[in-house]
C-alpha atoms as a PDB file:
ATOM      1  CA  MET A   1       3.319 -15.435  27.890  1.00  0.00           C
ATOM      2  CA  ALA A   2       3.833 -12.867  25.123  1.00  0.00           C
ATOM      3  CA  THR A   3       0.874 -10.879  23.918  1.00  0.00           C
ATOM      4  CA  PRO A   4       0.192 -10.845  20.189  1.00  0.00           C
ATOM      5  CA  GLU A   5       1.513  -7.850  18.317  1.00  0.00           C
ATOM      6  CA  GLU A   6      -1.112  -5.403  17.030  1.00  0.00           C
ATOM      7  CA  LEU A   7      -1.077  -5.102  13.263  1.00  0.00           C
ATOM      8  CA  THR A   8      -2.662  -2.585  10.909  1.00  0.00           C
ATOM      9  CA  VAL A   9      -4.009  -3.965   7.623  1.00  0.00           C
ATOM     10  CA  MET A  10      -3.220  -1.739   4.662  1.00  0.00           C
ATOM     11  CA  TYR A  11      -4.032  -1.833   0.962  1.00  0.00           C
ATOM     12  CA  ARG A  12      -2.236  -0.378  -2.010  1.00  0.00           C
ATOM     13  CA  PRO A  13      -3.320  -0.280  -5.644  1.00  0.00           C
ATOM     14  CA  VAL A  14      -0.451  -0.916  -8.044  1.00  0.00           C
ATOM     15  CA  GLY A  15       0.205  -0.910 -11.756  1.00  0.00           C
ATOM     16  CA  PRO A  16       2.392  -3.372 -13.660  1.00  0.00           C
ATOM     17  CA  GLU A  17       5.703  -1.589 -12.992  1.00  0.00           C
ATOM     18  CA  GLU A  18       5.290  -1.431  -9.217  1.00  0.00           C
ATOM     19  CA  LEU A  19       4.044  -5.033  -9.188  1.00  0.00           C
ATOM     20  CA  GLU A  20       7.213  -6.140 -10.962  1.00  0.00           C
ATOM     21  CA  LEU A  21       9.347  -4.315  -8.381  1.00  0.00           C
ATOM     22  CA  LEU A  22       7.383  -6.087  -5.623  1.00  0.00           C
ATOM     23  CA  ARG A  23       8.098  -9.430  -7.313  1.00  0.00           C
ATOM     24  CA  GLN A  24      11.810  -8.593  -7.424  1.00  0.00           C
ATOM     25  CA  ALA A  25      11.644  -7.924  -3.662  1.00  0.00           C
ATOM     26  CA  ASP A  26       9.889 -11.279  -3.074  1.00  0.00           C
ATOM     27  CA  PHE A  27       6.769  -9.352  -1.959  1.00  0.00           C
ATOM     28  CA  LYS A  28       8.537  -8.270   1.237  1.00  0.00           C
ATOM     29  CA  ARG A  29       9.303  -4.558   0.653  1.00  0.00           C
ATOM     30  CA  TRP A  30       7.959  -1.578  -1.243  1.00  0.00           C
ATOM     31  CA  PRO A  31      10.329  -0.030  -3.785  1.00  0.00           C
ATOM     32  CA  PRO A  32      11.843   3.385  -3.099  1.00  0.00           C
ATOM     33  CA  ARG A  33       9.807   6.363  -4.227  1.00  0.00           C
ATOM     34  CA  LEU A  34      10.874   8.250  -7.317  1.00  0.00           C
ATOM     35  CA  PRO A  35      11.991  11.882  -6.882  1.00  0.00           C
ATOM     36  CA  GLU A  36       8.546  13.081  -8.020  1.00  0.00           C
ATOM     37  CA  GLN A  37       6.865  10.800  -5.426  1.00  0.00           C
ATOM     38  CA  PRO A  38       7.542  12.406  -2.030  1.00  0.00           C
ATOM     39  CA  ILE A  39       4.825  10.414  -0.255  1.00  0.00           C
ATOM     40  CA  PHE A  40       3.849   6.722  -0.084  1.00  0.00           C
ATOM     41  CA  TYR A  41       0.054   6.377   0.033  1.00  0.00           C
ATOM     42  CA  PRO A  42      -1.282   3.095   1.400  1.00  0.00           C
ATOM     43  CA  VAL A  43      -5.075   3.147   1.727  1.00  0.00           C
ATOM     44  CA  THR A  44      -7.222   2.001   4.637  1.00  0.00           C
ATOM     45  CA  ASN A  45      -9.759  -0.196   2.855  1.00  0.00           C
ATOM     46  CA  GLU A  46     -10.132  -2.606  -0.035  1.00  0.00           C
ATOM     47  CA  GLN A  47     -13.037  -0.699  -1.620  1.00  0.00           C
ATOM     48  CA  TYR A  48     -10.942   2.416  -2.173  1.00  0.00           C
ATOM     49  CA  ALA A  49      -7.975   0.377  -3.458  1.00  0.00           C
ATOM     50  CA  VAL A  50     -10.276  -1.442  -5.915  1.00  0.00           C
ATOM     51  CA  GLU A  51     -11.574   1.874  -7.260  1.00  0.00           C
ATOM     52  CA  ILE A  52      -8.043   3.153  -7.889  1.00  0.00           C
ATOM     53  CA  ALA A  53      -6.692  -0.094  -9.365  1.00  0.00           C
ATOM     54  CA  GLY A  54      -9.763  -0.840 -11.465  1.00  0.00           C
ATOM     55  CA  ASN A  55     -10.253   2.680 -12.777  1.00  0.00           C
ATOM     56  CA  TRP A  56      -7.004   4.670 -12.723  1.00  0.00           C
ATOM     57  CA  ASN A  57      -4.346   1.953 -13.054  1.00  0.00           C
ATOM     58  CA  VAL A  58      -6.231   0.128 -15.818  1.00  0.00           C
ATOM     59  CA  ARG A  59      -6.846   3.400 -17.678  1.00  0.00           C
ATOM     60  CA  ASP A  60      -3.184   4.410 -17.388  1.00  0.00           C
ATOM     61  CA  SER A  61      -1.471   1.068 -18.086  1.00  0.00           C
ATOM     62  CA  GLY A  62      -4.066  -1.568 -18.973  1.00  0.00           C
ATOM     63  CA  TYR A  63      -3.547  -3.382 -15.660  1.00  0.00           C
ATOM     64  CA  GLY A  64      -4.179  -2.764 -11.985  1.00  0.00           C
ATOM     65  CA  ALA A  65      -3.906  -4.860  -8.844  1.00  0.00           C
ATOM     66  CA  VAL A  66      -4.868  -4.468  -5.208  1.00  0.00           C
ATOM     67  CA  THR A  67      -2.309  -5.500  -2.635  1.00  0.00           C
ATOM     68  CA  ARG A  68      -2.830  -6.114   1.077  1.00  0.00           C
ATOM     69  CA  PHE A  69      -0.178  -6.106   3.783  1.00  0.00           C
ATOM     70  CA  GLN A  70       0.191  -5.712   7.526  1.00  0.00           C
ATOM     71  CA  VAL A  71       2.337  -3.226   9.410  1.00  0.00           C
ATOM     72  CA  ARG A  72       3.027  -2.999  13.125  1.00  0.00           C
ATOM     73  CA  THR A  73       0.436  -0.646  14.613  1.00  0.00           C
ATOM     74  CA  SER A  74       3.082   0.767  16.952  1.00  0.00           C
ATOM     75  CA  PHE A  75       4.895   2.097  13.868  1.00  0.00           C
ATOM     76  CA  MET A  76       1.804   3.379  12.038  1.00  0.00           C
ATOM     77  CA  SER A  77       0.412   5.189  15.091  1.00  0.00           C
ATOM     78  CA  LYS A  78       2.519   8.247  14.261  1.00  0.00           C
ATOM     79  CA  TYR A  79       0.633   8.782  10.979  1.00  0.00           C
ATOM     80  CA  GLN A  80      -2.901  10.149  10.877  1.00  0.00           C
ATOM     81  CA  VAL A  81      -5.468   8.759   8.486  1.00  0.00           C
ATOM     82  CA  GLN A  82      -6.292  11.361   5.835  1.00  0.00           C
ATOM     83  CA  ARG A  83      -9.732  11.610   4.227  1.00  0.00           C
ATOM     84  CA  VAL A  84      -9.285  12.686   0.601  1.00  0.00           C
ATOM     85  CA  GLY A  85     -12.799  12.396  -0.830  1.00  0.00           C
ATOM     86  CA  GLY A  86     -15.815  10.287   0.067  1.00  0.00           C
ATOM     87  CA  SER A  87     -16.159   8.634   3.449  1.00  0.00           C
ATOM     88  CA  HIS A  88     -14.156   5.555   2.372  1.00  0.00           C
ATOM     89  CA  HIS A  89     -11.444   7.544   0.547  1.00  0.00           C
ATOM     90  CA  THR A  90      -8.969   7.334   3.403  1.00  0.00           C
ATOM     91  CA  GLU A  91      -5.236   6.803   3.330  1.00  0.00           C
ATOM     92  CA  TRP A  92      -2.018   7.332   5.206  1.00  0.00           C
ATOM     93  CA  TRP A  93       0.601   9.796   3.999  1.00  0.00           C
ATOM     94  CA  VAL A  94       4.004   8.287   4.720  1.00  0.00           C
ATOM     95  CA  PRO A  95       6.919  10.531   3.688  1.00  0.00           C
ATOM     96  CA  ALA A  96       9.278   8.850   1.221  1.00  0.00           C
ATOM     97  CA  GLU A  97      12.132   9.142   3.732  1.00  0.00           C
ATOM     98  CA  ASP A  98      10.125   6.914   6.134  1.00  0.00           C
ATOM     99  CA  LEU A  99       9.460   4.151   3.597  1.00  0.00           C
ATOM    100  CA  GLU A 100      12.414   1.976   4.640  1.00  0.00           C
ATOM    101  CA  ASP A 101      11.200   2.118   8.257  1.00  0.00           C
ATOM    102  CA  LEU A 102       7.717   1.155   7.094  1.00  0.00           C
ATOM    103  CA  ASN A 103       9.230  -1.747   5.129  1.00  0.00           C
ATOM    104  CA  ASP A 104      11.070  -2.870   8.276  1.00  0.00           C
ATOM    105  CA  ASN A 105       7.700  -2.975  10.080  1.00  0.00           C
ATOM    106  CA  ILE A 106       5.820  -5.087   7.537  1.00  0.00           C
ATOM    107  CA  VAL A 107       4.799  -8.408   9.056  1.00  0.00           C
ATOM    108  CA  GLY A 108       4.406 -11.215   6.535  1.00  0.00           C
ATOM    109  CA  LEU A 109       4.227 -10.784   2.787  1.00  0.00           C
ATOM    110  CA  ILE A 110       2.561  -8.220   0.549  1.00  0.00           C
ATOM    111  CA  GLU A 111      -0.297 -10.119  -1.133  1.00  0.00           C
ATOM    112  CA  VAL A 112      -1.996  -9.473  -4.461  1.00  0.00           C
ATOM    113  CA  ILE A 113      -5.693  -9.928  -3.680  1.00  0.00           C
ATOM    114  CA  ARG A 114      -7.410  -8.524  -6.807  1.00  0.00           C
ATOM    115  CA  GLU A 115      -6.372  -7.963 -10.423  1.00  0.00           C
ATOM    116  CA  PHE A 116      -7.961  -5.931 -13.219  1.00  0.00           C
ATOM    117  CA  GLY A 117      -7.186  -5.683 -16.906  1.00  0.00           C
ATOM    118  CA  SER A 118      -8.541  -3.766 -19.840  1.00  0.00           C
END
């Protein structure tokens, strides 16, 4: 009998442009980073993602959403969680060149779980 695969739940706040790119990818893959975006930053908890989407994304574009997705833990184990502020301000720093590998390790779909507008 096979044992269930361990999965890591991740969150990512997005604005309208990144959400549209997710739609175009059928919510299965993250879009490539732009040249000025050398790192992909998924966050470890919904609270932090809500703060970013509800405050920064809405301020910058009038819209923000929180997404949730699962990645194979065996893949994510090579990345350390980084604390970037308060105790819940934690995220992974995935180099842009590793994003396709991360996409290949997503299990299921990327879900929009919260939306905010101005």
